[in-house]
Amino acid sequence: MSDKQLLHLVFGGELENLEEVRFRDLDKLDLVGVYPDYESATKAWRSKAQSTVDNAHMRYFIVHMHKLLDPDGDGKF
């Protein structure tokens, strides 16, 4: 088992339209949380996405923070 943190951010918000990722109101973004692995992030994403299924403009995303923090994957800054 690896001790490397593979952080993932789950967040969502209401889109202005369904053709692009542009949020209607940035002050109303739903920051669900930061998760230590993709599996737990997917569970949180699925739960939030399913709870907002009646709003076609509401979208949730998973951001691979570990790829932003360490783009070359060597574990160093």
N, C-alpha and C. Protein backbone atom coordinates (compact mmCIF):
# COMPACT_ATOMS: atom_id res chain seq x y z
N MET A 1 0.84 -1.18 0.00
CA MET A 1 0.00 0.00 0.00
C MET A 1 0.88 1.24 0.00
N SER A 2 0.59 2.18 -0.85
CA SER A 2 1.37 3.39 -0.99
C SER A 2 0.98 4.41 0.06
N ASP A 3 1.97 5.16 0.57
CA ASP A 3 1.68 6.22 1.52
C ASP A 3 1.54 7.57 0.81
N LYS A 4 1.60 7.55 -0.49
CA LYS A 4 1.47 8.77 -1.29
C LYS A 4 0.03 9.27 -1.25
N GLN A 5 -0.14 10.56 -0.98
CA GLN A 5 -1.48 11.14 -0.97
C GLN A 5 -1.89 11.51 -2.38
N LEU A 6 -3.04 11.02 -2.79
CA LEU A 6 -3.60 11.35 -4.10
C LEU A 6 -4.89 12.14 -3.85
N LEU A 7 -4.72 13.41 -3.52
CA LEU A 7 -5.84 14.25 -3.11
C LEU A 7 -6.77 14.58 -4.28
N HIS A 8 -8.07 14.56 -3.98
CA HIS A 8 -9.11 14.87 -4.97
C HIS A 8 -10.11 15.84 -4.35
N LEU A 9 -10.46 16.88 -5.08
CA LEU A 9 -11.45 17.86 -4.66
C LEU A 9 -12.77 17.58 -5.37
N VAL A 10 -13.87 17.56 -4.62
CA VAL A 10 -15.20 17.40 -5.20
C VAL A 10 -15.94 18.71 -4.96
N PHE A 11 -16.45 19.29 -6.05
CA PHE A 11 -17.21 20.53 -5.95
C PHE A 11 -18.23 20.59 -7.06
N GLY A 12 -19.18 21.50 -6.92
CA GLY A 12 -20.19 21.64 -7.96
C GLY A 12 -20.87 22.99 -7.89
N GLY A 13 -21.73 23.19 -8.86
CA GLY A 13 -22.49 24.42 -8.92
C GLY A 13 -23.42 24.41 -10.12
N GLU A 14 -24.22 25.43 -10.19
CA GLU A 14 -25.19 25.53 -11.28
C GLU A 14 -24.54 26.22 -12.47
N LEU A 15 -24.63 25.58 -13.63
CA LEU A 15 -24.04 26.12 -14.85
C LEU A 15 -24.97 27.14 -15.51
N GLU A 16 -24.37 28.11 -16.21
CA GLU A 16 -25.17 29.08 -16.95
C GLU A 16 -25.92 28.42 -18.10
N ASN A 17 -25.23 27.51 -18.79
CA ASN A 17 -25.86 26.74 -19.86
C ASN A 17 -25.20 25.37 -19.91
N LEU A 18 -25.77 24.48 -20.68
CA LEU A 18 -25.28 23.10 -20.70
C LEU A 18 -24.17 22.86 -21.71
N GLU A 19 -23.77 23.90 -22.42
CA GLU A 19 -22.76 23.76 -23.47
C GLU A 19 -21.33 24.01 -22.98
N GLU A 20 -21.18 24.63 -21.80
CA GLU A 20 -19.84 24.94 -21.31
C GLU A 20 -19.82 24.93 -19.78
N VAL A 21 -18.62 24.85 -19.24
CA VAL A 21 -18.47 24.88 -17.78
C VAL A 21 -18.24 26.33 -17.37
N ARG A 22 -19.34 27.02 -17.15
CA ARG A 22 -19.32 28.40 -16.67
C ARG A 22 -20.44 28.49 -15.63
N PHE A 23 -20.02 28.76 -14.39
CA PHE A 23 -20.98 28.73 -13.29
C PHE A 23 -21.82 29.99 -13.22
N ARG A 24 -23.07 29.81 -12.87
CA ARG A 24 -24.04 30.90 -12.77
C ARG A 24 -23.65 31.88 -11.66
N ASP A 25 -23.21 31.37 -10.50
CA ASP A 25 -22.89 32.23 -9.35
C ASP A 25 -21.75 31.58 -8.56
N LEU A 26 -20.55 32.14 -8.67
CA LEU A 26 -19.39 31.56 -7.99
C LEU A 26 -19.53 31.58 -6.47
N ASP A 27 -20.31 32.50 -5.94
CA ASP A 27 -20.52 32.56 -4.49
C ASP A 27 -21.35 31.39 -3.99
N LYS A 28 -22.02 30.69 -4.88
CA LYS A 28 -22.87 29.57 -4.49
C LYS A 28 -22.27 28.21 -4.86
N LEU A 29 -20.97 28.17 -5.16
CA LEU A 29 -20.33 26.88 -5.42
C LEU A 29 -20.42 26.01 -4.18
N ASP A 30 -20.65 24.74 -4.39
CA ASP A 30 -20.74 23.77 -3.31
C ASP A 30 -19.41 23.02 -3.22
N LEU A 31 -18.59 23.37 -2.23
CA LEU A 31 -17.32 22.69 -2.02
C LEU A 31 -17.59 21.50 -1.11
N VAL A 32 -17.69 20.34 -1.72
CA VAL A 32 -18.08 19.12 -1.01
C VAL A 32 -16.96 18.67 -0.08
N GLY A 33 -15.73 18.63 -0.59
CA GLY A 33 -14.61 18.24 0.26
C GLY A 33 -13.40 17.77 -0.52
N VAL A 34 -12.33 17.50 0.23
CA VAL A 34 -11.09 16.96 -0.31
C VAL A 34 -10.96 15.53 0.21
N TYR A 35 -10.64 14.61 -0.71
CA TYR A 35 -10.63 13.18 -0.39
C TYR A 35 -9.26 12.60 -0.69
N PRO A 36 -8.85 11.57 0.07
CA PRO A 36 -7.50 11.03 -0.04
C PRO A 36 -7.28 10.09 -1.23
N ASP A 37 -8.36 9.72 -1.91
CA ASP A 37 -8.22 8.81 -3.04
C ASP A 37 -9.42 8.97 -3.98
N TYR A 38 -9.26 8.47 -5.19
CA TYR A 38 -10.30 8.62 -6.21
C TYR A 38 -11.58 7.89 -5.83
N GLU A 39 -11.46 6.75 -5.20
CA GLU A 39 -12.64 5.95 -4.84
C GLU A 39 -13.56 6.72 -3.89
N SER A 40 -13.00 7.31 -2.84
CA SER A 40 -13.85 8.05 -1.90
C SER A 40 -14.37 9.34 -2.53
N ALA A 41 -13.59 9.96 -3.40
CA ALA A 41 -14.06 11.16 -4.11
C ALA A 41 -15.23 10.80 -5.03
N THR A 42 -15.15 9.66 -5.69
CA THR A 42 -16.22 9.22 -6.58
C THR A 42 -17.51 8.97 -5.81
N LYS A 43 -17.41 8.39 -4.63
CA LYS A 43 -18.60 8.16 -3.80
C LYS A 43 -19.26 9.48 -3.43
N ALA A 44 -18.46 10.47 -3.03
CA ALA A 44 -19.00 11.78 -2.66
C ALA A 44 -19.61 12.46 -3.87
N TRP A 45 -18.92 12.40 -5.01
CA TRP A 45 -19.42 13.00 -6.25
C TRP A 45 -20.76 12.38 -6.64
N ARG A 46 -20.82 11.06 -6.62
CA ARG A 46 -22.04 10.35 -7.02
C ARG A 46 -23.22 10.73 -6.12
N SER A 47 -22.97 10.81 -4.83
CA SER A 47 -24.01 11.16 -3.88
C SER A 47 -24.56 12.57 -4.14
N LYS A 48 -23.67 13.53 -4.34
CA LYS A 48 -24.11 14.91 -4.60
C LYS A 48 -24.79 15.02 -5.96
N ALA A 49 -24.26 14.37 -6.96
CA ALA A 49 -24.85 14.42 -8.30
C ALA A 49 -26.26 13.82 -8.29
N GLN A 50 -26.43 12.72 -7.61
CA GLN A 50 -27.74 12.08 -7.56
C GLN A 50 -28.74 12.91 -6.76
N SER A 51 -28.27 13.63 -5.76
CA SER A 51 -29.19 14.44 -4.95
C SER A 51 -29.68 15.69 -5.68
N THR A 52 -29.02 16.05 -6.78
CA THR A 52 -29.41 17.25 -7.54
C THR A 52 -29.89 16.89 -8.95
N VAL A 53 -30.30 15.65 -9.15
CA VAL A 53 -30.66 15.16 -10.48
C VAL A 53 -31.84 15.94 -11.08
N ASP A 54 -32.69 16.54 -10.26
CA ASP A 54 -33.83 17.30 -10.78
C ASP A 54 -33.45 18.65 -11.38
N ASN A 55 -32.23 19.12 -11.13
CA ASN A 55 -31.77 20.38 -11.68
C ASN A 55 -30.76 20.08 -12.79
N ALA A 56 -31.18 20.19 -14.03
CA ALA A 56 -30.34 19.83 -15.18
C ALA A 56 -29.08 20.69 -15.28
N HIS A 57 -29.08 21.88 -14.69
CA HIS A 57 -27.93 22.77 -14.78
C HIS A 57 -26.91 22.56 -13.66
N MET A 58 -27.24 21.73 -12.70
CA MET A 58 -26.33 21.49 -11.58
C MET A 58 -25.35 20.39 -11.96
N ARG A 59 -24.06 20.67 -11.76
CA ARG A 59 -23.02 19.71 -12.10
C ARG A 59 -21.99 19.64 -10.99
N TYR A 60 -21.49 18.44 -10.75
CA TYR A 60 -20.42 18.22 -9.79
C TYR A 60 -19.21 17.65 -10.52
N PHE A 61 -18.03 17.97 -10.00
CA PHE A 61 -16.77 17.61 -10.65
C PHE A 61 -15.80 17.04 -9.63
N ILE A 62 -14.87 16.23 -10.13
CA ILE A 62 -13.74 15.74 -9.33
C ILE A 62 -12.48 16.33 -9.94
N VAL A 63 -11.71 17.04 -9.12
CA VAL A 63 -10.44 17.62 -9.55
C VAL A 63 -9.31 16.80 -8.94
N HIS A 64 -8.41 16.35 -9.76
CA HIS A 64 -7.26 15.57 -9.31
C HIS A 64 -6.20 16.55 -8.79
N MET A 65 -6.33 16.93 -7.54
CA MET A 65 -5.42 17.93 -6.96
C MET A 65 -3.97 17.46 -6.97
N HIS A 66 -3.77 16.17 -6.79
CA HIS A 66 -2.40 15.65 -6.76
C HIS A 66 -1.68 15.90 -8.08
N LYS A 67 -2.41 15.96 -9.18
CA LYS A 67 -1.79 16.23 -10.47
C LYS A 67 -1.43 17.71 -10.62
N LEU A 68 -2.17 18.57 -9.94
CA LEU A 68 -1.86 20.00 -9.96
C LEU A 68 -0.68 20.31 -9.04
N LEU A 69 -0.62 19.62 -7.90
CA LEU A 69 0.43 19.87 -6.92
C LEU A 69 1.77 19.24 -7.32
N ASP A 70 1.72 18.16 -8.07
CA ASP A 70 2.92 17.43 -8.48
C ASP A 70 2.75 16.95 -9.92
N PRO A 71 2.82 17.87 -10.89
CA PRO A 71 2.50 17.51 -12.29
C PRO A 71 3.41 16.45 -12.90
N ASP A 72 4.66 16.37 -12.48
CA ASP A 72 5.55 15.35 -13.07
C ASP A 72 5.55 14.05 -12.28
N GLY A 73 4.84 14.02 -11.14
CA GLY A 73 4.67 12.79 -10.38
C GLY A 73 5.87 12.29 -9.63
N ASP A 74 6.87 13.15 -9.40
CA ASP A 74 8.06 12.69 -8.70
C ASP A 74 8.00 12.87 -7.18
N GLY A 75 6.91 13.45 -6.69
CA GLY A 75 6.73 13.63 -5.26
C GLY A 75 7.49 14.83 -4.69
N LYS A 76 8.04 15.67 -5.57
CA LYS A 76 8.80 16.85 -5.13
C LYS A 76 8.22 18.10 -5.76
N PHE A 77 8.47 19.22 -5.10
CA PHE A 77 8.05 20.51 -5.67
C PHE A 77 8.98 20.93 -6.77
